[in-house]
């Protein structure tokens, strides 16, 4: 073997051979597999996020209460809007002439664009009126006010509606949507409180 041949063999041994087309294919397949795995993971995350909440799941943590509590679910007749409220008798409140002193315990709205769920009492404002004939419950979420209004008396049927309002006041930016009670649970005891209100 000539000296030139030895030099060529030694150079090839030190530098190595370039990757073959088969190696490139294997690398591409690995990358494709990784991409598929990433896509599957992303889909799983999206599915979890899309699960969302309902009025019932918003309030499912309320299984018992020391003070008188109402959990009421409302639905729009023939529509997609559902709403719910939790109201609790204030043990320190003093009502007159039959007015009951409620405080807010939860507000939920299922609407075409999503679900509002607020269960922190400090974030809820319950507006009490004489004989509770025109009470409201509202909260602020993402720069808007969500409100449930309840109006009725001894001589007129109750009207309940849900709406979204600008924080600065003015006309509703969504609603009002009129809803009717479809379920009511009263604690302590989880007894049925339909027809509502009592």
C-alpha atoms as a PDB file:
ATOM      1  CA  UNK A   1       0.000   0.000   0.000  1.00  0.00           C
ATOM      2  CA  UNK A   2       1.390   3.363  -0.974  1.00  0.00           C
ATOM      3  CA  UNK A   3       1.961   6.190   1.408  1.00  0.00           C
ATOM      4  CA  UNK A   4      -0.785   8.256  -0.327  1.00  0.00           C
ATOM      5  CA  UNK A   5      -3.377   5.529   0.288  1.00  0.00           C
ATOM      6  CA  UNK A   6      -2.444   5.362   3.967  1.00  0.00           C
ATOM      7  CA  UNK A   7      -2.949   9.124   4.299  1.00  0.00           C
ATOM      8  CA  UNK A   8      -6.445   8.941   2.719  1.00  0.00           C
ATOM      9  CA  UNK A   9      -7.510   6.100   5.060  1.00  0.00           C
ATOM     10  CA  UNK A  10      -6.151   7.929   8.117  1.00  0.00           C
ATOM     11  CA  UNK A  11      -8.013  11.136   7.137  1.00  0.00           C
ATOM     12  CA  UNK A  12     -11.297   9.262   6.728  1.00  0.00           C
ATOM     13  CA  UNK A  13     -10.836   7.599  10.103  1.00  0.00           C
ATOM     14  CA  UNK A  14     -10.246  10.931  11.854  1.00  0.00           C
ATOM     15  CA  UNK A  15     -12.954  12.997  10.098  1.00  0.00           C
ATOM     16  CA  UNK A  16     -15.642  10.318   9.853  1.00  0.00           C
ATOM     17  CA  UNK A  17     -18.244   9.798   7.197  1.00  0.00           C
ATOM     18  CA  UNK A  18     -21.021  12.247   6.368  1.00  0.00           C
ATOM     19  CA  UNK A  19     -24.498  11.192   7.527  1.00  0.00           C
ATOM     20  CA  UNK A  20     -26.428   9.096   5.065  1.00  0.00           C
ATOM     21  CA  UNK A  21     -29.909   9.832   3.737  1.00  0.00           C
ATOM     22  CA  UNK A  22     -31.221   7.077   6.027  1.00  0.00           C
ATOM     23  CA  UNK A  23     -29.922   8.955   9.085  1.00  0.00           C
ATOM     24  CA  UNK A  24     -31.693  12.149   7.949  1.00  0.00           C
ATOM     25  CA  UNK A  25     -34.970  10.261   7.596  1.00  0.00           C
ATOM     26  CA  UNK A  26     -34.637   8.822  11.070  1.00  0.00           C
ATOM     27  CA  UNK A  27     -34.027  12.303  12.500  1.00  0.00           C
ATOM     28  CA  UNK A  28     -37.049  13.701  10.686  1.00  0.00           C
ATOM     29  CA  UNK A  29     -39.208  10.856  12.017  1.00  0.00           C
ATOM     30  CA  UNK A  30     -38.048  11.567  15.566  1.00  0.00           C
ATOM     31  CA  UNK A  31     -38.883  15.232  15.129  1.00  0.00           C
ATOM     32  CA  UNK A  32     -42.302  14.345  13.748  1.00  0.00           C
ATOM     33  CA  UNK A  33     -42.943  12.072  16.726  1.00  0.00           C
ATOM     34  CA  UNK A  34     -41.968  14.862  19.120  1.00  0.00           C
ATOM     35  CA  UNK A  35     -44.298  17.250  17.301  1.00  0.00           C
ATOM     36  CA  UNK A  36     -47.145  14.744  17.539  1.00  0.00           C
ATOM     37  CA  UNK A  37     -46.552  14.333  21.266  1.00  0.00           C
ATOM     38  CA  UNK A  38     -46.553  18.097  21.741  1.00  0.00           C
ATOM     39  CA  UNK A  39     -49.792  18.397  19.778  1.00  0.00           C
ATOM     40  CA  UNK A  40     -51.416  15.698  21.901  1.00  0.00           C
ATOM     41  CA  UNK A  41     -50.335  17.489  25.081  1.00  0.00           C
ATOM     42  CA  UNK A  42     -51.697  20.797  23.802  1.00  0.00           C
ATOM     43  CA  UNK A  43     -55.011  19.170  22.907  1.00  0.00           C
ATOM     44  CA  UNK A  44     -55.298  17.667  26.366  1.00  0.00           C
ATOM     45  CA  UNK A  45     -54.703  21.054  27.961  1.00  0.00           C
ATOM     46  CA  UNK A  46     -57.279  22.705  25.718  1.00  0.00           C
ATOM     47  CA  UNK A  47     -59.843  20.043  26.588  1.00  0.00           C
ATOM     48  CA  UNK A  48     -59.276  20.641  30.293  1.00  0.00           C
ATOM     49  CA  UNK A  49     -59.689  24.397  29.853  1.00  0.00           C
ATOM     50  CA  UNK A  50     -62.819  23.939  27.766  1.00  0.00           C
ATOM     51  CA  UNK A  51     -64.540  21.888  30.454  1.00  0.00           C
ATOM     52  CA  UNK A  52     -65.710  25.107  32.123  1.00  0.00           C
ATOM     53  CA  UNK A  53     -68.230  25.405  34.920  1.00  0.00           C
ATOM     54  CA  UNK A  54     -71.969  25.387  35.396  1.00  0.00           C
ATOM     55  CA  UNK A  55     -74.126  27.199  37.912  1.00  0.00           C
ATOM     56  CA  UNK A  56     -74.328  23.976  39.910  1.00  0.00           C
ATOM     57  CA  UNK A  57     -70.575  23.346  39.922  1.00  0.00           C
ATOM     58  CA  UNK A  58     -69.988  26.949  41.002  1.00  0.00           C
ATOM     59  CA  UNK A  59     -72.009  26.277  44.155  1.00  0.00           C
ATOM     60  CA  UNK A  60     -71.158  22.604  44.757  1.00  0.00           C
ATOM     61  CA  UNK A  61     -68.909  23.449  47.719  1.00  0.00           C
ATOM     62  CA  UNK A  62     -71.951  24.604  49.683  1.00  0.00           C
ATOM     63  CA  UNK A  63     -73.193  21.426  51.316  1.00  0.00           C
ATOM     64  CA  UNK A  64     -74.306  22.779  54.688  1.00  0.00           C
ATOM     65  CA  UNK A  65     -74.686  26.098  56.443  1.00  0.00           C
ATOM     66  CA  UNK A  66     -75.226  27.296  60.002  1.00  0.00           C
ATOM     67  CA  UNK A  67     -77.387  30.251  59.033  1.00  0.00           C
ATOM     68  CA  UNK A  68     -80.434  30.141  56.803  1.00  0.00           C
ATOM     69  CA  UNK A  69     -79.165  29.920  53.229  1.00  0.00           C
ATOM     70  CA  UNK A  70     -80.904  29.723  49.852  1.00  0.00           C
ATOM     71  CA  UNK A  71     -79.270  28.311  46.702  1.00  0.00           C
ATOM     72  CA  UNK A  72     -81.505  29.184  43.746  1.00  0.00           C
ATOM     73  CA  UNK A  73     -80.976  28.256  40.080  1.00  0.00           C
ATOM     74  CA  UNK A  74     -82.815  30.127  37.316  1.00  0.00           C
ATOM     75  CA  UNK A  75     -83.223  29.428  33.596  1.00  0.00           C
ATOM     76  CA  UNK A  76     -84.289  31.469  30.605  1.00  0.00           C
ATOM     77  CA  UNK A  77     -87.411  30.006  29.005  1.00  0.00           C
ATOM     78  CA  UNK A  78     -86.356  28.480  25.684  1.00  0.00           C
ATOM     79  CA  UNK A  79     -82.901  30.067  25.860  1.00  0.00           C
ATOM     80  CA  UNK A  80     -79.294  29.344  26.767  1.00  0.00           C
ATOM     81  CA  UNK A  81     -78.932  31.614  29.790  1.00  0.00           C
ATOM     82  CA  UNK A  82     -78.884  30.167  33.293  1.00  0.00           C
ATOM     83  CA  UNK A  83     -78.160  32.003  36.517  1.00  0.00           C
ATOM     84  CA  UNK A  84     -77.850  31.246  40.189  1.00  0.00           C
ATOM     85  CA  UNK A  85     -77.583  33.001  43.495  1.00  0.00           C
ATOM     86  CA  UNK A  86     -76.709  32.086  47.036  1.00  0.00           C
ATOM     87  CA  UNK A  87     -78.058  34.320  49.754  1.00  0.00           C
ATOM     88  CA  UNK A  88     -77.575  33.967  53.498  1.00  0.00           C
ATOM     89  CA  UNK A  89     -79.511  35.503  56.372  1.00  0.00           C
ATOM     90  CA  UNK A  90     -77.227  37.869  58.277  1.00  0.00           C
ATOM     91  CA  UNK A  91     -77.355  36.627  61.901  1.00  0.00           C
ATOM     92  CA  UNK A  92     -76.587  40.154  63.101  1.00  0.00           C
ATOM     93  CA  UNK A  93     -79.052  41.886  60.796  1.00  0.00           C
ATOM     94  CA  UNK A  94     -82.306  43.375  62.056  1.00  0.00           C
ATOM     95  CA  UNK A  95     -85.180  43.560  59.591  1.00  0.00           C
ATOM     96  CA  UNK A  96     -88.404  45.508  60.055  1.00  0.00           C
ATOM     97  CA  UNK A  97     -91.913  45.009  58.658  1.00  0.00           C
ATOM     98  CA  UNK A  98     -91.062  41.589  57.275  1.00  0.00           C
ATOM     99  CA  UNK A  99     -87.846  42.618  55.511  1.00  0.00           C
ATOM    100  CA  UNK A 100     -85.228  39.862  55.629  1.00  0.00           C
ATOM    101  CA  UNK A 101     -81.572  40.859  55.909  1.00  0.00           C
ATOM    102  CA  UNK A 102     -79.755  38.806  53.293  1.00  0.00           C
ATOM    103  CA  UNK A 103     -76.079  38.893  52.340  1.00  0.00           C
ATOM    104  CA  UNK A 104     -74.607  37.510  49.141  1.00  0.00           C
ATOM    105  CA  UNK A 105     -72.964  34.108  49.162  1.00  0.00           C
ATOM    106  CA  UNK A 106     -72.612  33.415  45.444  1.00  0.00           C
ATOM    107  CA  UNK A 107     -73.530  34.587  41.948  1.00  0.00           C
ATOM    108  CA  UNK A 108     -73.213  32.547  38.757  1.00  0.00           C
ATOM    109  CA  UNK A 109     -74.250  33.181  35.158  1.00  0.00           C
ATOM    110  CA  UNK A 110     -74.032  30.779  32.212  1.00  0.00           C
ATOM    111  CA  UNK A 111     -74.230  32.869  29.043  1.00  0.00           C
ATOM    112  CA  UNK A 112     -73.283  32.354  25.375  1.00  0.00           C
ATOM    113  CA  UNK A 113     -69.718  33.627  25.906  1.00  0.00           C
ATOM    114  CA  UNK A 114     -68.825  31.721  29.057  1.00  0.00           C
ATOM    115  CA  UNK A 115     -69.530  31.340  32.753  1.00  0.00           C
ATOM    116  CA  UNK A 116     -69.294  33.874  35.572  1.00  0.00           C
ATOM    117  CA  UNK A 117     -68.751  32.321  39.009  1.00  0.00           C
ATOM    118  CA  UNK A 118     -68.155  34.398  42.144  1.00  0.00           C
ATOM    119  CA  UNK A 119     -68.462  32.847  45.604  1.00  0.00           C
ATOM    120  CA  UNK A 120     -66.353  35.179  47.751  1.00  0.00           C
ATOM    121  CA  UNK A 121     -68.809  37.075  50.007  1.00  0.00           C
ATOM    122  CA  UNK A 122     -66.514  40.109  50.072  1.00  0.00           C
ATOM    123  CA  UNK A 123     -66.863  40.412  46.275  1.00  0.00           C
ATOM    124  CA  UNK A 124     -70.680  40.382  46.360  1.00  0.00           C
ATOM    125  CA  UNK A 125     -73.102  43.192  47.163  1.00  0.00           C
ATOM    126  CA  UNK A 126     -76.689  42.394  48.155  1.00  0.00           C
ATOM    127  CA  UNK A 127     -79.093  45.321  47.870  1.00  0.00           C
ATOM    128  CA  UNK A 128     -81.993  45.031  50.321  1.00  0.00           C
ATOM    129  CA  UNK A 129     -85.317  46.786  49.778  1.00  0.00           C
ATOM    130  CA  UNK A 130     -88.531  47.120  51.791  1.00  0.00           C
ATOM    131  CA  UNK A 131     -90.092  43.637  52.182  1.00  0.00           C
ATOM    132  CA  UNK A 132     -87.376  42.457  49.754  1.00  0.00           C
ATOM    133  CA  UNK A 133     -89.693  43.470  46.920  1.00  0.00           C
ATOM    134  CA  UNK A 134     -86.890  44.796  44.667  1.00  0.00           C
ATOM    135  CA  UNK A 135     -83.632  43.214  45.851  1.00  0.00           C
ATOM    136  CA  UNK A 136     -80.472  42.883  43.760  1.00  0.00           C
ATOM    137  CA  UNK A 137     -77.247  40.907  43.943  1.00  0.00           C
ATOM    138  CA  UNK A 138     -74.223  42.061  41.998  1.00  0.00           C
ATOM    139  CA  UNK A 139     -70.494  41.592  41.588  1.00  0.00           C
ATOM    140  CA  UNK A 140     -67.709  43.023  39.450  1.00  0.00           C
ATOM    141  CA  UNK A 141     -65.755  40.785  37.057  1.00  0.00           C
ATOM    142  CA  UNK A 142     -63.221  41.935  34.442  1.00  0.00           C
ATOM    143  CA  UNK A 143     -64.290  45.556  34.603  1.00  0.00           C
ATOM    144  CA  UNK A 144     -68.059  45.025  34.332  1.00  0.00           C
ATOM    145  CA  UNK A 145     -70.860  44.498  36.826  1.00  0.00           C
ATOM    146  CA  UNK A 146     -73.011  41.359  36.718  1.00  0.00           C
ATOM    147  CA  UNK A 147     -76.367  41.721  38.452  1.00  0.00           C
ATOM    148  CA  UNK A 148     -79.385  39.598  39.311  1.00  0.00           C
ATOM    149  CA  UNK A 149     -82.546  41.554  40.045  1.00  0.00           C
ATOM    150  CA  UNK A 150     -85.646  40.233  41.834  1.00  0.00           C
ATOM    151  CA  UNK A 151     -88.883  42.211  41.801  1.00  0.00           C
ATOM    152  CA  UNK A 152     -92.337  41.237  43.009  1.00  0.00           C
ATOM    153  CA  UNK A 153     -94.834  41.654  45.802  1.00  0.00           C
ATOM    154  CA  UNK A 154     -97.932  40.137  47.361  1.00  0.00           C
ATOM    155  CA  UNK A 155    -100.111  41.125  44.410  1.00  0.00           C
ATOM    156  CA  UNK A 156     -97.732  40.724  41.452  1.00  0.00           C
ATOM    157  CA  UNK A 157     -95.750  37.743  40.140  1.00  0.00           C
ATOM    158  CA  UNK A 158     -92.019  37.762  40.680  1.00  0.00           C
ATOM    159  CA  UNK A 159     -89.778  38.871  37.862  1.00  0.00           C
ATOM    160  CA  UNK A 160     -86.108  37.852  37.967  1.00  0.00           C
ATOM    161  CA  UNK A 161     -83.523  39.017  35.455  1.00  0.00           C
ATOM    162  CA  UNK A 162     -79.782  38.935  34.911  1.00  0.00           C
ATOM    163  CA  UNK A 163     -77.723  41.576  33.139  1.00  0.00           C
ATOM    164  CA  UNK A 164     -74.252  42.996  32.609  1.00  0.00           C
ATOM    165  CA  UNK A 165     -73.772  46.679  33.379  1.00  0.00           C
ATOM    166  CA  UNK A 166     -70.966  49.210  32.885  1.00  0.00           C
ATOM    167  CA  UNK A 167     -69.269  50.103  36.161  1.00  0.00           C
ATOM    168  CA  UNK A 168     -69.947  53.782  35.617  1.00  0.00           C
ATOM    169  CA  UNK A 169     -73.697  53.232  35.279  1.00  0.00           C
ATOM    170  CA  UNK A 170     -75.937  53.576  32.258  1.00  0.00           C
ATOM    171  CA  UNK A 171     -77.809  51.099  30.102  1.00  0.00           C
ATOM    172  CA  UNK A 172     -77.004  47.371  30.417  1.00  0.00           C
ATOM    173  CA  UNK A 173     -74.285  46.207  28.039  1.00  0.00           C
ATOM    174  CA  UNK A 174     -75.903  42.732  27.962  1.00  0.00           C
ATOM    175  CA  UNK A 175     -79.423  41.790  28.971  1.00  0.00           C
ATOM    176  CA  UNK A 176     -81.630  42.022  30.819  1.00  0.00           C
ATOM    177  CA  UNK A 177     -82.487  38.366  30.307  1.00  0.00           C
ATOM    178  CA  UNK A 178     -85.553  37.235  32.227  1.00  0.00           C
ATOM    179  CA  UNK A 179     -85.197  33.936  34.048  1.00  0.00           C
ATOM    180  CA  UNK A 180     -87.383  31.769  36.279  1.00  0.00           C
ATOM    181  CA  UNK A 181     -86.457  29.596  39.275  1.00  0.00           C
ATOM    182  CA  UNK A 182     -86.057  25.891  38.459  1.00  0.00           C
ATOM    183  CA  UNK A 183     -84.514  24.686  41.715  1.00  0.00           C
ATOM    184  CA  UNK A 184     -84.067  25.948  45.244  1.00  0.00           C
ATOM    185  CA  UNK A 185     -82.286  24.377  48.204  1.00  0.00           C
ATOM    186  CA  UNK A 186     -82.529  25.780  51.689  1.00  0.00           C
ATOM    187  CA  UNK A 187     -79.952  25.116  54.395  1.00  0.00           C
ATOM    188  CA  UNK A 188     -79.667  23.949  57.115  1.00  0.00           C
ATOM    189  CA  UNK A 189     -81.135  20.668  55.989  1.00  0.00           C
ATOM    190  CA  UNK A 190     -80.971  21.000  52.182  1.00  0.00           C
ATOM    191  CA  UNK A 191     -84.781  21.163  51.884  1.00  0.00           C
ATOM    192  CA  UNK A 192     -86.624  22.118  48.714  1.00  0.00           C
ATOM    193  CA  UNK A 193     -87.657  25.792  48.814  1.00  0.00           C
ATOM    194  CA  UNK A 194     -89.754  25.933  45.641  1.00  0.00           C
ATOM    195  CA  UNK A 195     -91.973  27.793  44.968  1.00  0.00           C
ATOM    196  CA  UNK A 196     -89.539  30.646  45.417  1.00  0.00           C
ATOM    197  CA  UNK A 197     -89.514  33.146  47.054  1.00  0.00           C
ATOM    198  CA  UNK A 198     -91.423  32.057  50.117  1.00  0.00           C
END
